Protein backbone atom coordinates (compact mmCIF):
# COMPACT_ATOMS: atom_id res chain seq x y z
CA MET A 1 8.30 12.73 2.40
CA SER A 2 9.10 9.62 4.28
CA ASN A 3 6.68 7.84 6.38
CA GLU A 4 9.41 6.89 8.79
CA PHE A 5 11.33 9.04 11.25
CA ARG A 6 14.26 8.16 13.50
CA ILE A 7 13.76 9.44 17.04
CA GLY A 8 17.31 10.34 18.42
CA GLY A 9 18.88 9.09 15.28
CA ASP A 10 18.44 5.58 16.35
CA LEU A 11 14.55 4.71 16.95
CA ALA A 12 13.15 4.19 13.90
CA VAL A 13 9.09 4.82 14.08
CA ASN A 14 6.11 5.15 11.90
CA ARG A 15 5.42 8.69 11.76
CA LEU A 16 1.69 7.72 12.57
CA GLY A 17 1.47 6.44 16.05
CA PHE A 18 -0.73 5.84 18.95
CA GLY A 19 -1.49 7.97 22.08
CA ALA A 20 -2.90 6.13 24.92
CA MET A 21 -4.46 8.97 27.17
CA ARG A 22 -8.13 8.06 26.22
CA LEU A 23 -7.55 4.00 26.94
CA PRO A 24 -8.55 4.27 30.67
CA SER A 25 -11.31 6.82 30.26
CA LYS A 26 -13.35 8.52 27.62
CA GLU A 27 -13.08 11.67 29.07
CA GLY A 28 -9.21 11.41 29.42
CA MET A 29 -7.61 11.59 32.75
CA GLY A 30 -9.68 10.81 35.82
CA GLY A 31 -12.84 10.32 34.13
CA PRO A 32 -15.09 7.13 34.38
CA ALA A 33 -13.41 4.10 33.77
CA ARG A 34 -13.50 2.31 30.44
CA ASP A 35 -13.65 -1.43 29.90
CA PRO A 36 -9.75 -2.39 30.31
CA GLU A 37 -10.17 -5.43 27.66
CA THR A 38 -11.46 -2.81 25.17
CA GLY A 39 -8.15 -0.88 25.67
CA ARG A 40 -5.94 -3.82 25.51
CA ALA A 41 -8.05 -4.55 22.20
CA VAL A 42 -7.27 -1.19 20.70
CA LEU A 43 -3.48 -1.54 21.31
CA ARG A 44 -3.18 -5.06 19.88
CA ARG A 45 -5.10 -3.66 16.82
CA ALA A 46 -2.94 -0.63 16.84
CA VAL A 47 0.42 -2.70 16.47
CA GLU A 48 -1.14 -5.15 13.94
CA LEU A 49 -2.03 -1.87 11.85
CA GLY A 50 1.44 -1.01 12.06
CA VAL A 51 1.70 1.20 14.88
CA ASN A 52 5.31 1.30 16.52
CA HIS A 53 5.23 4.56 18.56
CA VAL A 54 2.90 4.48 21.91
CA ASP A 55 2.77 7.70 23.62
CA THR A 56 1.74 7.24 27.31
CA ALA A 57 2.18 8.48 31.02
CA ASP A 58 1.75 7.24 34.24
CA PHE A 59 -0.81 10.05 35.05
CA TYR A 60 -3.20 8.49 32.22
CA VAL A 61 -5.45 6.66 34.77
CA SER A 62 -9.27 6.72 35.28
CA ALA A 63 -11.11 8.13 38.22
CA GLY A 64 -9.52 6.39 41.53
CA GLY A 65 -6.85 4.78 39.46
CA ALA A 66 -8.75 1.76 38.52
CA VAL A 67 -7.77 1.64 34.92
CA ARG A 68 -4.30 2.90 33.96
CA ALA A 69 -2.56 3.39 30.47
CA ASN A 70 0.73 1.96 31.39
CA THR A 71 -0.89 -1.30 32.75
CA LEU A 72 -3.14 -1.91 29.50
CA ILE A 73 -0.12 -1.41 27.35
CA ARG A 74 2.27 -4.05 29.54
CA GLU A 75 -0.76 -6.30 29.91
CA ALA A 76 -1.64 -6.11 25.79
CA LEU A 77 1.86 -5.89 24.37
CA HIS A 78 4.58 -7.29 26.82
CA PRO A 79 7.10 -8.83 25.84
CA TYR A 80 7.31 -5.87 23.47
CA ALA A 81 8.45 -6.09 19.81
CA SER A 82 11.97 -5.26 19.60
CA ASP A 83 10.92 -2.12 17.18
CA LEU A 84 8.34 -0.96 19.61
CA VAL A 85 9.00 2.64 20.99
CA ILE A 86 7.12 3.51 24.16
CA ALA A 87 7.56 7.63 25.01
CA THR A 88 6.25 8.51 28.43
CA LYS A 89 6.35 11.93 30.41
CA VAL A 90 6.71 13.16 33.75
CA GLY A 91 6.10 16.46 35.48
CA PRO A 92 2.50 16.55 36.76
CA ILE A 93 1.69 14.84 39.90
CA ARG A 94 -1.89 13.68 40.74
CA ARG A 95 -3.11 14.24 43.88
CA PRO A 96 -5.68 12.27 45.64
CA ASP A 97 -8.20 15.25 45.18
CA GLY A 98 -7.60 14.87 41.51
CA PHE A 99 -5.85 18.31 41.17
CA ARG A 100 -2.47 18.27 39.61
CA GLN A 101 0.70 20.01 40.93
CA ALA A 102 4.04 20.41 39.39
CA ALA A 103 6.72 17.97 40.38
CA THR A 104 9.93 18.94 41.84
CA PRO A 105 13.35 17.98 40.86
CA ALA A 106 13.52 15.37 43.71
CA ASP A 107 10.20 14.12 42.75
CA LEU A 108 11.36 12.88 39.09
CA ARG A 109 13.25 9.87 40.18
CA GLY A 110 9.90 8.29 41.69
CA LEU A 111 8.07 9.16 38.49
CA VAL A 112 10.51 7.74 36.40
CA GLU A 113 10.55 4.53 38.44
CA ALA A 114 6.87 4.19 38.37
CA ASN A 115 6.95 4.28 34.53
CA LEU A 116 9.54 1.61 34.53
CA GLU A 117 7.37 -0.66 37.07
CA GLY A 118 4.01 0.18 35.33
CA LEU A 119 5.47 -0.77 31.73
CA GLY A 120 7.56 -3.40 33.04
CA VAL A 121 10.95 -2.28 31.54
CA ASP A 122 14.48 -1.74 32.65
CA ARG A 123 14.84 1.47 30.58
CA LEU A 124 12.38 3.96 29.15
CA ASP A 125 12.84 4.66 25.31
CA LEU A 126 11.80 8.29 25.60
CA VAL A 127 10.85 10.54 28.47
CA TYR A 128 9.32 13.88 28.19
CA LEU A 129 9.63 16.65 30.75
CA ARG A 130 5.96 17.77 30.67
CA ILE A 131 5.74 21.65 32.03
CA GLY A 132 2.79 24.07 32.82
CA ARG A 133 -0.44 23.36 32.34
CA MET A 134 -2.37 23.68 28.74
CA GLU A 135 -0.06 26.35 27.60
CA PRO A 136 3.55 26.84 27.71
CA PRO A 137 4.63 28.65 30.83
CA HIS A 138 6.75 31.54 29.21
CA GLY A 139 9.53 32.88 31.59
CA GLU A 140 9.38 29.66 33.79
CA SER A 141 12.87 27.78 33.86
CA LEU A 142 12.89 24.28 33.50
CA ALA A 143 16.77 23.84 34.05
CA GLU A 144 16.76 22.06 37.45
CA ARG A 145 14.02 19.32 36.49
CA PHE A 146 15.75 18.65 33.24
CA GLU A 147 18.79 18.35 34.87
CA ALA A 148 17.28 16.03 37.04
CA LEU A 149 16.19 13.89 34.20
CA ALA A 150 19.40 14.31 32.58
CA ALA A 151 21.05 12.62 35.36
CA LEU A 152 18.72 9.59 35.35
CA ARG A 153 19.54 9.35 31.67
CA GLU A 154 23.11 8.99 32.48
CA GLU A 155 22.39 6.22 35.12
CA GLY A 156 20.89 4.61 32.21
CA LEU A 157 17.11 4.54 33.28
CA ILE A 158 16.39 6.68 30.08
CA ARG A 159 17.16 6.21 26.60
CA HIS A 160 16.13 9.81 25.26
CA LEU A 161 14.95 13.05 26.48
CA GLY A 162 12.15 15.22 25.29
CA ILE A 163 10.25 18.37 26.50
CA SER A 164 6.41 19.08 26.41
CA ASN A 165 4.19 22.38 26.60
CA VAL A 166 7.12 24.57 25.89
CA ASP A 167 8.45 27.34 23.78
CA ILE A 168 11.51 28.06 21.93
CA ASP A 169 13.39 29.42 24.94
CA HIS A 170 12.75 26.42 26.76
CA LEU A 171 13.76 24.33 23.75
CA ALA A 172 17.24 26.09 24.25
CA GLN A 173 17.43 25.81 27.78
CA ALA A 174 17.13 22.17 27.61
CA ARG A 175 19.30 21.59 24.82
CA ALA A 176 22.15 23.29 26.62
CA ILE A 177 21.77 20.71 29.67
CA ALA A 178 21.21 17.46 27.27
CA PRO A 179 20.33 16.13 23.83
CA VAL A 180 16.41 16.79 23.32
CA VAL A 181 15.11 14.44 20.68
CA ALA A 182 11.54 15.19 20.64
CA VAL A 183 8.85 18.26 21.78
CA GLN A 184 5.26 17.50 22.33
CA ASN A 185 2.96 20.69 22.24
CA GLN A 186 -0.32 21.23 21.44
CA PHE A 187 -0.70 21.75 17.76
CA HIS A 188 -3.31 20.86 14.90
CA ALA A 189 -4.66 22.05 11.86
CA ALA A 190 -6.78 24.55 13.67
CA LYS A 191 -4.03 25.80 16.28
CA ARG A 192 -0.84 26.50 14.62
CA ASP A 193 0.57 29.03 17.19
CA ASP A 194 4.03 26.95 17.32
CA ALA A 195 4.93 27.20 13.70
CA GLU A 196 8.25 28.82 14.80
CA LEU A 197 9.11 25.87 17.39
CA LEU A 198 8.30 23.41 14.62
CA SER A 199 10.75 25.05 12.18
CA ALA A 200 13.19 25.03 14.92
CA CYS A 201 12.67 21.46 15.60
CA GLU A 202 12.86 20.77 11.83
CA GLU A 203 16.30 22.62 11.62
CA ALA A 204 17.63 20.53 14.45
CA GLY A 205 16.18 17.03 13.63
CA ILE A 206 14.09 16.98 16.71
CA ALA A 207 10.82 15.06 16.26
CA PHE A 208 7.86 17.47 16.71
CA VAL A 209 4.72 15.45 18.16
CA PRO A 210 1.81 17.28 18.60
CA PHE A 211 -0.67 16.58 21.63
CA PHE A 212 -4.27 16.80 20.80
CA PRO A 213 -3.66 16.31 17.16
CA LEU A 214 -7.30 16.48 16.62
CA GLY A 215 -8.39 19.10 18.85
CA GLY A 216 -8.51 17.26 22.12
CA GLY A 217 -12.18 16.10 22.00
CA ARG A 218 -13.40 18.89 20.18
CA GLU A 219 -14.05 18.68 16.43
CA LEU A 220 -11.84 20.25 14.14
CA ASP A 221 -13.97 23.22 13.13
CA ASP A 222 -12.14 24.52 9.92
CA GLU A 223 -13.58 25.53 6.66
CA ARG A 224 -10.13 24.66 5.15
CA LEU A 225 -10.28 21.21 6.28
CA ALA A 226 -13.89 20.62 5.42
CA LYS A 227 -13.18 21.46 1.77
CA VAL A 228 -10.73 19.13 1.51
CA ALA A 229 -12.30 16.20 3.42
CA ALA A 230 -15.33 16.75 1.05
CA ARG A 231 -12.90 16.68 -1.90
CA HIS A 232 -11.35 13.24 -0.63
CA GLY A 233 -15.06 12.00 0.52
CA ILE A 234 -13.31 11.44 4.11
CA ALA A 235 -13.70 12.83 7.41
CA VAL A 236 -12.31 16.32 8.50
CA SER A 237 -10.46 14.30 10.97
CA GLN A 238 -8.76 12.13 8.73
CA ILE A 239 -7.41 15.25 6.66
CA GLY A 240 -6.35 16.93 9.79
CA LEU A 241 -4.13 14.07 10.40
CA ALA A 242 -2.97 13.95 6.95
CA TRP A 243 -2.10 17.55 7.09
CA LEU A 244 0.04 17.25 10.07
CA LEU A 245 1.99 14.41 8.59
CA ALA A 246 2.56 16.74 5.25
CA SER A 247 3.31 19.76 7.46
CA SER A 248 6.98 19.02 8.46
CA PRO A 249 9.12 15.73 8.02
CA VAL A 250 9.70 15.65 11.49
CA THR A 251 6.05 15.82 12.51
CA LEU A 252 4.90 12.70 14.57
CA ALA A 253 1.20 12.13 14.72
CA ILE A 254 -0.21 10.16 17.94
CA PRO A 255 -3.87 10.43 17.71
CA GLY A 256 -5.71 8.44 20.48
CA THR A 257 -8.86 6.64 21.02
CA GLY A 258 -10.48 4.31 23.03
CA SER A 259 -12.27 2.41 19.85
CA VAL A 260 -11.21 -0.14 17.65
CA SER A 261 -13.16 1.50 14.60
CA HIS A 262 -12.07 4.90 15.40
CA LEU A 263 -8.38 3.66 15.44
CA GLU A 264 -8.76 1.99 12.11
CA ASP A 265 -9.93 5.32 10.80
CA ASN A 266 -7.17 6.99 11.88
CA MET A 267 -4.69 4.53 10.78
CA ALA A 268 -6.00 4.79 7.25
CA VAL A 269 -4.49 8.36 6.90
CA ALA A 270 -1.45 6.40 6.05
CA GLY A 271 -2.69 6.03 2.80
CA ILE A 272 -3.71 9.40 2.12
CA THR A 273 -1.67 11.76 -0.32
CA LEU A 274 -2.62 15.51 -0.30
CA SER A 275 -2.30 17.08 -3.52
CA GLU A 276 -0.56 20.51 -4.15
CA GLU A 277 -4.13 22.05 -4.54
CA ASP A 278 -4.99 20.29 -1.10
CA LEU A 279 -1.84 21.79 0.75
CA ALA A 280 -2.49 25.22 -0.92
CA ASP A 281 -6.30 25.21 0.34
CA LEU A 282 -4.95 24.09 3.81
CA SER A 283 -2.35 26.67 4.25
C-alpha cells in the first residue's frame, strides 16, 4: 500500500500528516493557551519529518483567542513549501461566550476569508464543510451550505472541497452539487462505525481523514491494540495509527499534539508494517 495519496487527484501528500487543533491549547479549542513558540517548533519539526499535509481551522484557538492555530502555521511555515497542503474547515462559529453555533450559507464567505487571512494565502487548498457537533446530524441537509462553498470554489478562493462529520447520505448530497475530494469523520481503531462510509470513499477515490485518530484525548482502550503493541514493543497509540493507515489506501492520518517528542513518536509510525497476523488480531 502506498504511503502517498493524491487529494483530488492533484495534491500529493504523505498519508501520515498533522492535525493542528492542540497547538493553541492542550485542552483543545478554547482551553488555556500554550506557549506559541512551542507550537511553532512542533510545526517546523513536523515538516522536517516529512509532513506535507496539515489540518487546521480558524476556530482552533485558545481561550480568548490569544493563540490561534492558523497564525502559528503562518508564522512557522510561511512562505510555504510548494508541496505543503493545508486543509481547513468551516461551519461552526465560536461565540464570545465560548459556545458554538452553526454557520448559515451567508456566513461562509466571511469564514473562508478569515482562513485566507490567517494563513496568509490567496487560495485555500482544501476546505471542509463541518456540520453537526460530535456525531453526524442524520437527516439534516447540507445542500445550501455546500452550494455556498462551491460558489466560492468557482470564484477561485478554494481549490478543493470536503465534508466533515457526515453520513453516507450527506456524501451523496454533496457530490450532486460539486466534487468532494475528502471526508473527515471521527474514526479510530476503537470506533469503527463509519466502515460503510469509508468503503464508499475508497470506491470513489475520496480521501478519508479521521479526526480524533487516537481517541480524541482518551486512551485507546482496546485489547486488540494492546496485544499487537506488545508484540512490536511499541505504544498502543502507534499501533492505532498504523491500523488506520492499513485500513484503506484512501485513509489519511492527522494525529495532533503540542509536543515535539509526541510528534516524533507519531511520525515513527511511518516505519511500522503490520503483518497479516497483526491485521487479523486487529480485525
